[in-house]
Structures are given as structure tokens and as C-alpha cells.
Amino acid sequence: MHDIIPIINKSLKYNVLSVYSAYLAKDTGTLLYIAPDIDAIPVELLYFYGYVRHNQVELNWATASETNNSGFYLARRIIGKEPDWTNIAFVNGKGNSEEVNRYNY
């Protein structure tokens, strides 16, 4: 799993994304960066929800289509307690799909 935490922190610093947004991190082999072009995003997100259940957060999301999507990195940070984001999981994507795909963690 790649360390995408520096990307998230830098993006927050420069207001590229908020603590509530999804984003695309691309790996070029030597460089990880936030994709600047909306046309480059290989996933058409339908929804993204988070629920607190029994002292844990359940995440649910769906895609309408995916192009060369290897998956989704999930990271967390407890505001006021943790200064940096921590990778918690990687959920495999569907690669190439024109169908609705549902995910949860």
C-alpha cells in the first residue's frame, strides 16, 4: 500500500480538498499526486455515506462506472487527537466496469 498521507495533508493545506471529500491519488511509479483534471478520474461516484454504528464508522459507496480502477485507499484522522491521516484499509475496485458497483467497509 502506498503512503498517500502526505498527499492528503498537502491537499488540505492548499484547500484542494476538504476533510469530507473523496479524491484521486495517482501513482506514476515515482510520484504520487492529486489528479488535477476531472476528466482523468476513472470512477464515476454515485454516493458516499458514513454511519456511526456501535462505536465504529461504516462506509458505503457506489460507482456508476470504473476505468482501470485498482481500488480505494481508506484513511482516517480523529480531529483534535491525531495530527496526521492514517491508512486503515484498501478496498479492491472492479477494474473496468459500466455497471453499478457497491462497496462497504
PDB file of N, CA and C in Angstrom:
ATOM      1  N   MET A   1       0.847  -1.174   0.000  1.00  0.00           N
ATOM      2  CA  MET A   1       0.000   0.000   0.000  1.00  0.00           C
ATOM      3  C   MET A   1       0.891   1.236   0.000  1.00  0.00           C
ATOM      4  N   HIS A   2       0.561   2.187  -0.856  1.00  0.00           N
ATOM      5  CA  HIS A   2       1.323   3.425  -0.942  1.00  0.00           C
ATOM      6  C   HIS A   2       0.982   4.332   0.226  1.00  0.00           C
ATOM      7  N   ASP A   3       1.927   5.186   0.597  1.00  0.00           N
ATOM      8  CA  ASP A   3       1.683   6.154   1.653  1.00  0.00           C
ATOM      9  C   ASP A   3       1.108   7.415   1.019  1.00  0.00           C
ATOM     10  N   ILE A   4      -0.207   7.568   1.071  1.00  0.00           N
ATOM     11  CA  ILE A   4      -0.871   8.715   0.461  1.00  0.00           C
ATOM     12  C   ILE A   4      -1.136   9.828   1.468  1.00  0.00           C
ATOM     13  N   ILE A   5      -0.753   9.606   2.707  1.00  0.00           N
ATOM     14  CA  ILE A   5      -0.997  10.593   3.754  1.00  0.00           C
ATOM     15  C   ILE A   5      -0.385  11.955   3.422  1.00  0.00           C
ATOM     16  N   PRO A   6       0.864  12.040   2.921  1.00  0.00           N
ATOM     17  CA  PRO A   6       1.408  13.361   2.552  1.00  0.00           C
ATOM     18  C   PRO A   6       0.566  14.073   1.499  1.00  0.00           C
ATOM     19  N   ILE A   7      -0.026  13.316   0.580  1.00  0.00           N
ATOM     20  CA  ILE A   7      -0.877  13.924  -0.445  1.00  0.00           C
ATOM     21  C   ILE A   7      -2.112  14.530   0.198  1.00  0.00           C
ATOM     22  N   ILE A   8      -2.734  13.785   1.095  1.00  0.00           N
ATOM     23  CA  ILE A   8      -3.937  14.278   1.764  1.00  0.00           C
ATOM     24  C   ILE A   8      -3.624  15.534   2.553  1.00  0.00           C
ATOM     25  N   ASN A   9      -2.563  15.503   3.352  1.00  0.00           N
ATOM     26  CA  ASN A   9      -2.215  16.655   4.187  1.00  0.00           C
ATOM     27  C   ASN A   9      -1.886  17.885   3.351  1.00  0.00           C
ATOM     28  N   LYS A  10      -1.139  17.712   2.268  1.00  0.00           N
ATOM     29  CA  LYS A  10      -0.797  18.837   1.399  1.00  0.00           C
ATOM     30  C   LYS A  10      -2.051  19.383   0.719  1.00  0.00           C
ATOM     31  N   SER A  11      -2.932  18.491   0.308  1.00  0.00           N
ATOM     32  CA  SER A  11      -4.169  18.908  -0.344  1.00  0.00           C
ATOM     33  C   SER A  11      -5.047  19.710   0.608  1.00  0.00           C
ATOM     34  N   LEU A  12      -5.119  19.293   1.857  1.00  0.00           N
ATOM     35  CA  LEU A  12      -5.886  20.044   2.849  1.00  0.00           C
ATOM     36  C   LEU A  12      -5.258  21.413   3.093  1.00  0.00           C
ATOM     37  N   LYS A  13      -3.932  21.456   3.169  1.00  0.00           N
ATOM     38  CA  LYS A  13      -3.227  22.712   3.414  1.00  0.00           C
ATOM     39  C   LYS A  13      -3.521  23.737   2.333  1.00  0.00           C
ATOM     40  N   TYR A  14      -3.572  23.297   1.073  1.00  0.00           N
ATOM     41  CA  TYR A  14      -3.789  24.209  -0.038  1.00  0.00           C
ATOM     42  C   TYR A  14      -5.240  24.233  -0.520  1.00  0.00           C
ATOM     43  N   ASN A  15      -6.146  23.712   0.314  1.00  0.00           N
ATOM     44  CA  ASN A  15      -7.585  23.726   0.032  1.00  0.00           C
ATOM     45  C   ASN A  15      -7.962  23.040  -1.279  1.00  0.00           C
ATOM     46  N   VAL A  16      -7.226  21.989  -1.647  1.00  0.00           N
ATOM     47  CA  VAL A  16      -7.574  21.214  -2.828  1.00  0.00           C
ATOM     48  C   VAL A  16      -8.767  20.309  -2.507  1.00  0.00           C
ATOM     49  N   LEU A  17      -8.849  19.854  -1.273  1.00  0.00           N
ATOM     50  CA  LEU A  17      -9.963  19.037  -0.842  1.00  0.00           C
ATOM     51  C   LEU A  17     -10.250  19.328   0.612  1.00  0.00           C
ATOM     52  N   SER A  18     -11.405  18.932   1.073  1.00  0.00           N
ATOM     53  CA  SER A  18     -11.774  19.142   2.463  1.00  0.00           C
ATOM     54  C   SER A  18     -11.665  17.826   3.208  1.00  0.00           C
ATOM     55  N   VAL A  19     -11.876  17.858   4.507  1.00  0.00           N
ATOM     56  CA  VAL A  19     -11.805  16.632   5.300  1.00  0.00           C
ATOM     57  C   VAL A  19     -12.954  15.688   4.980  1.00  0.00           C
ATOM     58  N   TYR A  20     -13.932  16.154   4.208  1.00  0.00           N
ATOM     59  CA  TYR A  20     -15.088  15.337   3.883  1.00  0.00           C
ATOM     60  C   TYR A  20     -15.118  14.863   2.438  1.00  0.00           C
ATOM     61  N   SER A  21     -14.091  15.151   1.654  1.00  0.00           N
ATOM     62  CA  SER A  21     -14.175  14.835   0.234  1.00  0.00           C
ATOM     63  C   SER A  21     -13.420  13.581  -0.148  1.00  0.00           C
ATOM     64  N   ALA A  22     -13.852  13.024  -1.249  1.00  0.00           N
ATOM     65  CA  ALA A  22     -13.132  11.924  -1.858  1.00  0.00           C
ATOM     66  C   ALA A  22     -12.165  12.533  -2.863  1.00  0.00           C
ATOM     67  N   TYR A  23     -11.129  11.820  -3.211  1.00  0.00           N
ATOM     68  CA  TYR A  23     -10.113  12.358  -4.099  1.00  0.00           C
ATOM     69  C   TYR A  23      -9.486  11.221  -4.871  1.00  0.00           C
ATOM     70  N   LEU A  24      -8.712  11.585  -5.858  1.00  0.00           N
ATOM     71  CA  LEU A  24      -8.000  10.600  -6.656  1.00  0.00           C
ATOM     72  C   LEU A  24      -6.507  10.810  -6.483  1.00  0.00           C
ATOM     73  N   ALA A  25      -5.816   9.801  -6.011  1.00  0.00           N
ATOM     74  CA  ALA A  25      -4.361   9.843  -5.939  1.00  0.00           C
ATOM     75  C   ALA A  25      -3.842   8.932  -7.037  1.00  0.00           C
ATOM     76  N   LYS A  26      -2.969   9.445  -7.874  1.00  0.00           N
ATOM     77  CA  LYS A  26      -2.421   8.668  -8.977  1.00  0.00           C
ATOM     78  C   LYS A  26      -0.967   8.331  -8.669  1.00  0.00           C
ATOM     79  N   ASP A  27      -0.556   7.155  -9.056  1.00  0.00           N
ATOM     80  CA  ASP A  27       0.809   6.700  -8.851  1.00  0.00           C
ATOM     81  C   ASP A  27       1.468   6.582 -10.216  1.00  0.00           C
ATOM     82  N   THR A  28       2.502   7.408 -10.445  1.00  0.00           N
ATOM     83  CA  THR A  28       3.192   7.367 -11.730  1.00  0.00           C
ATOM     84  C   THR A  28       4.456   6.508 -11.658  1.00  0.00           C
ATOM     85  N   GLY A  29       4.635   5.804 -10.572  1.00  0.00           N
ATOM     86  CA  GLY A  29       5.818   4.971 -10.404  1.00  0.00           C
ATOM     87  C   GLY A  29       6.843   5.635  -9.506  1.00  0.00           C
ATOM     88  N   THR A  30       7.008   6.929  -9.644  1.00  0.00           N
ATOM     89  CA  THR A  30       7.968   7.645  -8.810  1.00  0.00           C
ATOM     90  C   THR A  30       7.326   8.809  -8.085  1.00  0.00           C
ATOM     91  N   LEU A  31       6.062   9.120  -8.423  1.00  0.00           N
ATOM     92  CA  LEU A  31       5.428  10.300  -7.861  1.00  0.00           C
ATOM     93  C   LEU A  31       3.956  10.028  -7.598  1.00  0.00           C
ATOM     94  N   LEU A  32       3.513  10.394  -6.418  1.00  0.00           N
ATOM     95  CA  LEU A  32       2.092  10.327  -6.102  1.00  0.00           C
ATOM     96  C   LEU A  32       1.555  11.740  -6.127  1.00  0.00           C
ATOM     97  N   TYR A  33       0.425  11.963  -6.754  1.00  0.00           N
ATOM     98  CA  TYR A  33      -0.127  13.317  -6.816  1.00  0.00           C
ATOM     99  C   TYR A  33      -1.643  13.265  -6.920  1.00  0.00           C
ATOM    100  N   ILE A  34      -2.271  14.381  -6.625  1.00  0.00           N
ATOM    101  CA  ILE A  34      -3.704  14.510  -6.812  1.00  0.00           C
ATOM    102  C   ILE A  34      -3.957  14.823  -8.278  1.00  0.00           C
ATOM    103  N   ALA A  35      -4.840  14.085  -8.911  1.00  0.00           N
ATOM    104  CA  ALA A  35      -5.137  14.306 -10.328  1.00  0.00           C
ATOM    105  C   ALA A  35      -5.807  15.663 -10.497  1.00  0.00           C
ATOM    106  N   PRO A  36      -5.209  16.563 -11.286  1.00  0.00           N
ATOM    107  CA  PRO A  36      -5.757  17.905 -11.441  1.00  0.00           C
ATOM    108  C   PRO A  36      -6.901  18.005 -12.441  1.00  0.00           C
ATOM    109  N   ASP A  37      -7.062  17.018 -13.273  1.00  0.00           N
ATOM    110  CA  ASP A  37      -8.043  17.084 -14.351  1.00  0.00           C
ATOM    111  C   ASP A  37      -9.204  16.163 -14.039  1.00  0.00           C
ATOM    112  N   ILE A  38     -10.402  16.733 -13.933  1.00  0.00           N
ATOM    113  CA  ILE A  38     -11.578  15.937 -13.604  1.00  0.00           C
ATOM    114  C   ILE A  38     -11.806  14.829 -14.623  1.00  0.00           C
ATOM    115  N   ASP A  39     -11.393  15.028 -15.878  1.00  0.00           N
ATOM    116  CA  ASP A  39     -11.557  14.004 -16.903  1.00  0.00           C
ATOM    117  C   ASP A  39     -10.674  12.792 -16.659  1.00  0.00           C
ATOM    118  N   ALA A  40      -9.664  12.931 -15.810  1.00  0.00           N
ATOM    119  CA  ALA A  40      -8.744  11.832 -15.544  1.00  0.00           C
ATOM    120  C   ALA A  40      -9.274  10.876 -14.490  1.00  0.00           C
ATOM    121  N   ILE A  41     -10.327  11.268 -13.783  1.00  0.00           N
ATOM    122  CA  ILE A  41     -10.832  10.427 -12.702  1.00  0.00           C
ATOM    123  C   ILE A  41     -11.508   9.198 -13.306  1.00  0.00           C
ATOM    124  N   PRO A  42     -11.027   7.996 -12.941  1.00  0.00           N
ATOM    125  CA  PRO A  42     -11.535   6.782 -13.566  1.00  0.00           C
ATOM    126  C   PRO A  42     -12.801   6.222 -12.928  1.00  0.00           C
ATOM    127  N   VAL A  43     -13.360   6.944 -11.940  1.00  0.00           N
ATOM    128  CA  VAL A  43     -14.516   6.440 -11.215  1.00  0.00           C
ATOM    129  C   VAL A  43     -15.628   7.478 -11.235  1.00  0.00           C
ATOM    130  N   GLU A  44     -16.829   7.053 -11.589  1.00  0.00           N
ATOM    131  CA  GLU A  44     -17.998   7.922 -11.505  1.00  0.00           C
ATOM    132  C   GLU A  44     -18.737   7.533 -10.223  1.00  0.00           C
ATOM    133  N   LEU A  45     -18.581   8.357  -9.188  1.00  0.00           N
ATOM    134  CA  LEU A  45     -19.138   8.068  -7.870  1.00  0.00           C
ATOM    135  C   LEU A  45     -20.619   8.424  -7.834  1.00  0.00           C
ATOM    136  N   LEU A  46     -21.445   7.483  -7.373  1.00  0.00           N
ATOM    137  CA  LEU A  46     -22.878   7.729  -7.241  1.00  0.00           C
ATOM    138  C   LEU A  46     -23.217   8.299  -5.871  1.00  0.00           C
ATOM    139  N   TYR A  47     -22.641   7.711  -4.835  1.00  0.00           N
ATOM    140  CA  TYR A  47     -22.868   8.200  -3.468  1.00  0.00           C
ATOM    141  C   TYR A  47     -21.745   7.732  -2.558  1.00  0.00           C
ATOM    142  N   PHE A  48     -21.627   8.406  -1.427  1.00  0.00           N
ATOM    143  CA  PHE A  48     -20.659   8.048  -0.396  1.00  0.00           C
ATOM    144  C   PHE A  48     -21.266   8.435   0.946  1.00  0.00           C
ATOM    145  N   TYR A  49     -21.492   7.456   1.818  1.00  0.00           N
ATOM    146  CA  TYR A  49     -22.100   7.702   3.126  1.00  0.00           C
ATOM    147  C   TYR A  49     -21.256   7.077   4.221  1.00  0.00           C
ATOM    148  N   GLY A  50     -21.271   7.706   5.376  1.00  0.00           N
ATOM    149  CA  GLY A  50     -20.632   7.155   6.558  1.00  0.00           C
ATOM    150  C   GLY A  50     -21.621   7.162   7.710  1.00  0.00           C
ATOM    151  N   TYR A  51     -21.687   6.060   8.449  1.00  0.00           N
ATOM    152  CA  TYR A  51     -22.600   5.923   9.582  1.00  0.00           C
ATOM    153  C   TYR A  51     -21.818   5.470  10.806  1.00  0.00           C
ATOM    154  N   VAL A  52     -22.185   5.992  11.963  1.00  0.00           N
ATOM    155  CA  VAL A  52     -21.596   5.524  13.218  1.00  0.00           C
ATOM    156  C   VAL A  52     -22.489   4.416  13.745  1.00  0.00           C
ATOM    157  N   ARG A  53     -21.884   3.254  13.956  1.00  0.00           N
ATOM    158  CA  ARG A  53     -22.614   2.093  14.481  1.00  0.00           C
ATOM    159  C   ARG A  53     -21.741   1.383  15.505  1.00  0.00           C
ATOM    160  N   HIS A  54     -22.248   1.270  16.690  1.00  0.00           N
ATOM    161  CA  HIS A  54     -21.547   0.564  17.764  1.00  0.00           C
ATOM    162  C   HIS A  54     -20.106   1.052  17.924  1.00  0.00           C
ATOM    163  N   ASN A  55     -19.946   2.371  17.976  1.00  0.00           N
ATOM    164  CA  ASN A  55     -18.640   2.994  18.199  1.00  0.00           C
ATOM    165  C   ASN A  55     -17.664   2.801  17.030  1.00  0.00           C
ATOM    166  N   GLN A  56     -18.170   2.468  15.866  1.00  0.00           N
ATOM    167  CA  GLN A  56     -17.356   2.332  14.669  1.00  0.00           C
ATOM    168  C   GLN A  56     -18.035   3.081  13.528  1.00  0.00           C
ATOM    169  N   VAL A  57     -17.280   3.390  12.491  1.00  0.00           N
ATOM    170  CA  VAL A  57     -17.842   4.058  11.316  1.00  0.00           C
ATOM    171  C   VAL A  57     -17.969   3.044  10.192  1.00  0.00           C
ATOM    172  N   GLU A  58     -19.153   2.982   9.618  1.00  0.00           N
ATOM    173  CA  GLU A  58     -19.396   2.120   8.458  1.00  0.00           C
ATOM    174  C   GLU A  58     -19.467   3.012   7.226  1.00  0.00           C
ATOM    175  N   LEU A  59     -18.670   2.695   6.212  1.00  0.00           N
ATOM    176  CA  LEU A  59     -18.656   3.461   4.974  1.00  0.00           C
ATOM    177  C   LEU A  59     -19.344   2.670   3.870  1.00  0.00           C
ATOM    178  N   ASN A  60     -20.184   3.354   3.101  1.00  0.00           N
ATOM    179  CA  ASN A  60     -20.878   2.749   1.966  1.00  0.00           C
ATOM    180  C   ASN A  60     -20.761   3.697   0.786  1.00  0.00           C
ATOM    181  N   TRP A  61     -20.391   3.171  -0.385  1.00  0.00           N
ATOM    182  CA  TRP A  61     -20.330   3.988  -1.583  1.00  0.00           C
ATOM    183  C   TRP A  61     -20.600   3.121  -2.802  1.00  0.00           C
ATOM    184  N   ALA A  62     -20.942   3.806  -3.895  1.00  0.00           N
ATOM    185  CA  ALA A  62     -21.225   3.086  -5.141  1.00  0.00           C
ATOM    186  C   ALA A  62     -20.672   3.876  -6.306  1.00  0.00           C
ATOM    187  N   THR A  63     -20.295   3.149  -7.339  1.00  0.00           N
ATOM    188  CA  THR A  63     -19.814   3.761  -8.578  1.00  0.00           C
ATOM    189  C   THR A  63     -20.746   3.379  -9.718  1.00  0.00           C
ATOM    190  N   ALA A  64     -20.918   4.309 -10.656  1.00  0.00           N
ATOM    191  CA  ALA A  64     -21.719   4.033 -11.857  1.00  0.00           C
ATOM    192  C   ALA A  64     -20.856   3.407 -12.933  1.00  0.00           C
ATOM    193  N   SER A  65     -19.555   3.768 -12.925  1.00  0.00           N
ATOM    194  CA  SER A  65     -18.609   3.204 -13.881  1.00  0.00           C
ATOM    195  C   SER A  65     -17.201   3.314 -13.309  1.00  0.00           C
ATOM    196  N   GLU A  66     -16.311   2.465 -13.820  1.00  0.00           N
ATOM    197  CA  GLU A  66     -14.913   2.472 -13.396  1.00  0.00           C
ATOM    198  C   GLU A  66     -14.036   2.168 -14.610  1.00  0.00           C
ATOM    199  N   THR A  67     -12.912   2.875 -14.693  1.00  0.00           N
ATOM    200  CA  THR A  67     -11.953   2.653 -15.766  1.00  0.00           C
ATOM    201  C   THR A  67     -10.578   2.436 -15.141  1.00  0.00           C
ATOM    202  N   ASN A  68     -10.035   1.239 -15.308  1.00  0.00           N
ATOM    203  CA  ASN A  68      -8.720   0.896 -14.755  1.00  0.00           C
ATOM    204  C   ASN A  68      -8.613   1.230 -13.276  1.00  0.00           C
ATOM    205  N   ASN A  69      -9.649   0.948 -12.519  1.00  0.00           N
ATOM    206  CA  ASN A  69      -9.667   1.261 -11.087  1.00  0.00           C
ATOM    207  C   ASN A  69      -9.162   0.077 -10.281  1.00  0.00           C
ATOM    208  N   SER A  70      -7.969   0.225  -9.707  1.00  0.00           N
ATOM    209  CA  SER A  70      -7.445  -0.857  -8.883  1.00  0.00           C
ATOM    210  C   SER A  70      -8.088  -0.865  -7.502  1.00  0.00           C
ATOM    211  N   GLY A  71      -8.592   0.285  -7.044  1.00  0.00           N
ATOM    212  CA  GLY A  71      -9.271   0.264  -5.764  1.00  0.00           C
ATOM    213  C   GLY A  71      -9.273   1.600  -5.053  1.00  0.00           C
ATOM    214  N   PHE A  72      -9.642   1.539  -3.782  1.00  0.00           N
ATOM    215  CA  PHE A  72      -9.820   2.726  -2.951  1.00  0.00           C
ATOM    216  C   PHE A  72      -9.000   2.610  -1.669  1.00  0.00           C
ATOM    217  N   TYR A  73      -8.165   3.601  -1.404  1.00  0.00           N
ATOM    218  CA  TYR A  73      -7.474   3.682  -0.122  1.00  0.00           C
ATOM    219  C   TYR A  73      -8.407   4.367   0.858  1.00  0.00           C
ATOM    220  N   LEU A  74      -8.498   3.843   2.057  1.00  0.00           N
ATOM    221  CA  LEU A  74      -9.287   4.455   3.112  1.00  0.00           C
ATOM    222  C   LEU A  74      -8.332   4.948   4.184  1.00  0.00           C
ATOM    223  N   ALA A  75      -8.518   6.185   4.598  1.00  0.00           N
ATOM    224  CA  ALA A  75      -7.660   6.777   5.624  1.00  0.00           C
ATOM    225  C   ALA A  75      -8.540   7.450   6.658  1.00  0.00           C
ATOM    226  N   ARG A  76      -8.010   7.614   7.870  1.00  0.00           N
ATOM    227  CA  ARG A  76      -8.785   8.277   8.907  1.00  0.00           C
ATOM    228  C   ARG A  76      -7.899   9.212   9.712  1.00  0.00           C
ATOM    229  N   ARG A  77      -8.560  10.164  10.368  1.00  0.00           N
ATOM    230  CA  ARG A  77      -7.889  11.071  11.297  1.00  0.00           C
ATOM    231  C   ARG A  77      -8.939  11.526  12.291  1.00  0.00           C
ATOM    232  N   ILE A  78      -8.633  11.442  13.555  1.00  0.00           N
ATOM    233  CA  ILE A  78      -9.526  11.943  14.588  1.00  0.00           C
ATOM    234  C   ILE A  78      -9.102  13.375  14.874  1.00  0.00           C
ATOM    235  N   ILE A  79      -9.944  14.310  14.451  1.00  0.00           N
ATOM    236  CA  ILE A  79      -9.623  15.733  14.606  1.00  0.00           C
ATOM    237  C   ILE A  79      -9.494  16.067  16.082  1.00  0.00           C
ATOM    238  N   GLY A  80      -8.397  16.727  16.422  1.00  0.00           N
ATOM    239  CA  GLY A  80      -8.125  17.091  17.806  1.00  0.00           C
ATOM    240  C   GLY A  80      -7.325  16.050  18.567  1.00  0.00           C
ATOM    241  N   LYS A  81      -7.222  14.849  18.011  1.00  0.00           N
ATOM    242  CA  LYS A  81      -6.482  13.771  18.680  1.00  0.00           C
ATOM    243  C   LYS A  81      -5.313  13.257  17.853  1.00  0.00           C
ATOM    244  N   GLU A  82      -5.488  13.245  16.544  1.00  0.00           N
ATOM    245  CA  GLU A  82      -4.454  12.724  15.653  1.00  0.00           C
ATOM    246  C   GLU A  82      -4.058  13.816  14.668  1.00  0.00           C
ATOM    247  N   PRO A  83      -2.772  14.183  14.621  1.00  0.00           N
ATOM    248  CA  PRO A  83      -2.353  15.266  13.721  1.00  0.00           C
ATOM    249  C   PRO A  83      -2.305  14.854  12.250  1.00  0.00           C
ATOM    250  N   ASP A  84      -2.126  13.573  11.979  1.00  0.00           N
ATOM    251  CA  ASP A  84      -1.974  13.102  10.603  1.00  0.00           C
ATOM    252  C   ASP A  84      -2.994  12.028  10.275  1.00  0.00           C
ATOM    253  N   TRP A  85      -3.215  11.827   8.979  1.00  0.00           N
ATOM    254  CA  TRP A  85      -4.084  10.771   8.490  1.00  0.00           C
ATOM    255  C   TRP A  85      -3.357   9.438   8.589  1.00  0.00           C
ATOM    256  N   THR A  86      -4.107   8.368   8.811  1.00  0.00           N
ATOM    257  CA  THR A  86      -3.565   7.021   8.906  1.00  0.00           C
ATOM    258  C   THR A  86      -4.295   6.125   7.917  1.00  0.00           C
ATOM    259  N   ASN A  87      -3.540   5.391   7.110  1.00  0.00           N
ATOM    260  CA  ASN A  87      -4.153   4.406   6.209  1.00  0.00           C
ATOM    261  C   ASN A  87      -4.769   3.306   7.056  1.00  0.00           C
ATOM    262  N   ILE A  88      -6.026   2.960   6.761  1.00  0.00           N
ATOM    263  CA  ILE A  88      -6.671   1.889   7.524  1.00  0.00           C
ATOM    264  C   ILE A  88      -7.040   0.691   6.659  1.00  0.00           C
ATOM    265  N   ALA A  89      -7.185   0.903   5.354  1.00  0.00           N
ATOM    266  CA  ALA A  89      -7.590  -0.220   4.503  1.00  0.00           C
ATOM    267  C   ALA A  89      -7.432   0.130   3.032  1.00  0.00           C
ATOM    268  N   PHE A  90      -7.488  -0.914   2.225  1.00  0.00           N
ATOM    269  CA  PHE A  90      -7.564  -0.777   0.778  1.00  0.00           C
ATOM    270  C   PHE A  90      -8.685  -1.702   0.322  1.00  0.00           C
ATOM    271  N   VAL A  91      -9.634  -1.157  -0.425  1.00  0.00           N
ATOM    272  CA  VAL A  91     -10.754  -1.939  -0.949  1.00  0.00           C
ATOM    273  C   VAL A  91     -10.554  -2.074  -2.455  1.00  0.00           C
ATOM    274  N   ASN A  92     -10.501  -3.304  -2.936  1.00  0.00           N
ATOM    275  CA  ASN A  92     -10.289  -3.551  -4.360  1.00  0.00           C
ATOM    276  C   ASN A  92     -11.424  -2.991  -5.207  1.00  0.00           C
ATOM    277  N   GLY A  93     -11.052  -2.370  -6.340  1.00  0.00           N
ATOM    278  CA  GLY A  93     -12.031  -1.875  -7.287  1.00  0.00           C
ATOM    279  C   GLY A  93     -12.399  -2.967  -8.278  1.00  0.00           C
ATOM    280  N   LYS A  94     -13.228  -2.614  -9.240  1.00  0.00           N
ATOM    281  CA  LYS A  94     -13.698  -3.589 -10.231  1.00  0.00           C
ATOM    282  C   LYS A  94     -12.938  -3.515 -11.549  1.00  0.00           C
ATOM    283  N   GLY A  95     -11.876  -2.700 -11.591  1.00  0.00           N
ATOM    284  CA  GLY A  95     -11.100  -2.599 -12.828  1.00  0.00           C
ATOM    285  C   GLY A  95     -11.821  -1.759 -13.854  1.00  0.00           C
ATOM    286  N   ASN A  96     -12.447  -2.413 -14.831  1.00  0.00           N
ATOM    287  CA  ASN A  96     -13.238  -1.740 -15.860  1.00  0.00           C
ATOM    288  C   ASN A  96     -14.673  -2.237 -15.753  1.00  0.00           C
ATOM    289  N   SER A  97     -15.589  -1.293 -15.557  1.00  0.00           N
ATOM    290  CA  SER A  97     -16.981  -1.681 -15.380  1.00  0.00           C
ATOM    291  C   SER A  97     -17.899  -0.543 -15.789  1.00  0.00           C
ATOM    292  N   GLU A  98     -18.976  -0.885 -16.445  1.00  0.00           N
ATOM    293  CA  GLU A  98     -20.028   0.081 -16.781  1.00  0.00           C
ATOM    294  C   GLU A  98     -21.283  -0.218 -15.969  1.00  0.00           C
ATOM    295  N   GLU A  99     -21.148  -1.058 -14.949  1.00  0.00           N
ATOM    296  CA  GLU A  99     -22.259  -1.432 -14.074  1.00  0.00           C
ATOM    297  C   GLU A  99     -22.148  -0.677 -12.752  1.00  0.00           C
ATOM    298  N   VAL A 100     -23.251  -0.610 -12.022  1.00  0.00           N
ATOM    299  CA  VAL A 100     -23.227  -0.043 -10.672  1.00  0.00           C
ATOM    300  C   VAL A 100     -22.529  -1.047  -9.766  1.00  0.00           C
ATOM    301  N   ASN A 101     -21.513  -0.578  -9.045  1.00  0.00           N
ATOM    302  CA  ASN A 101     -20.791  -1.411  -8.078  1.00  0.00           C
ATOM    303  C   ASN A 101     -20.910  -0.785  -6.715  1.00  0.00           C
ATOM    304  N   ARG A 102     -21.286  -1.588  -5.723  1.00  0.00           N
ATOM    305  CA  ARG A 102     -21.455  -1.107  -4.352  1.00  0.00           C
ATOM    306  C   ARG A 102     -20.322  -1.624  -3.490  1.00  0.00           C
ATOM    307  N   TYR A 103     -19.855  -0.755  -2.593  1.00  0.00           N
ATOM    308  CA  TYR A 103     -18.740  -1.081  -1.707  1.00  0.00           C
ATOM    309  C   TYR A 103     -19.111  -0.725  -0.278  1.00  0.00           C
ATOM    310  N   ASN A 104     -18.465  -1.400   0.655  1.00  0.00           N
ATOM    311  CA  ASN A 104     -18.604  -1.002   2.059  1.00  0.00           C
ATOM    312  C   ASN A 104     -17.348  -1.399   2.825  1.00  0.00           C
ATOM    313  N   TYR A 105     -17.197  -0.732   3.934  1.00  0.00           N
ATOM    314  CA  TYR A 105     -16.091  -1.034   4.847  1.00  0.00           C
ATOM    315  C   TYR A 105     -16.553  -0.706   6.249  1.00  0.00           C
TER     316      TYR A 105
END
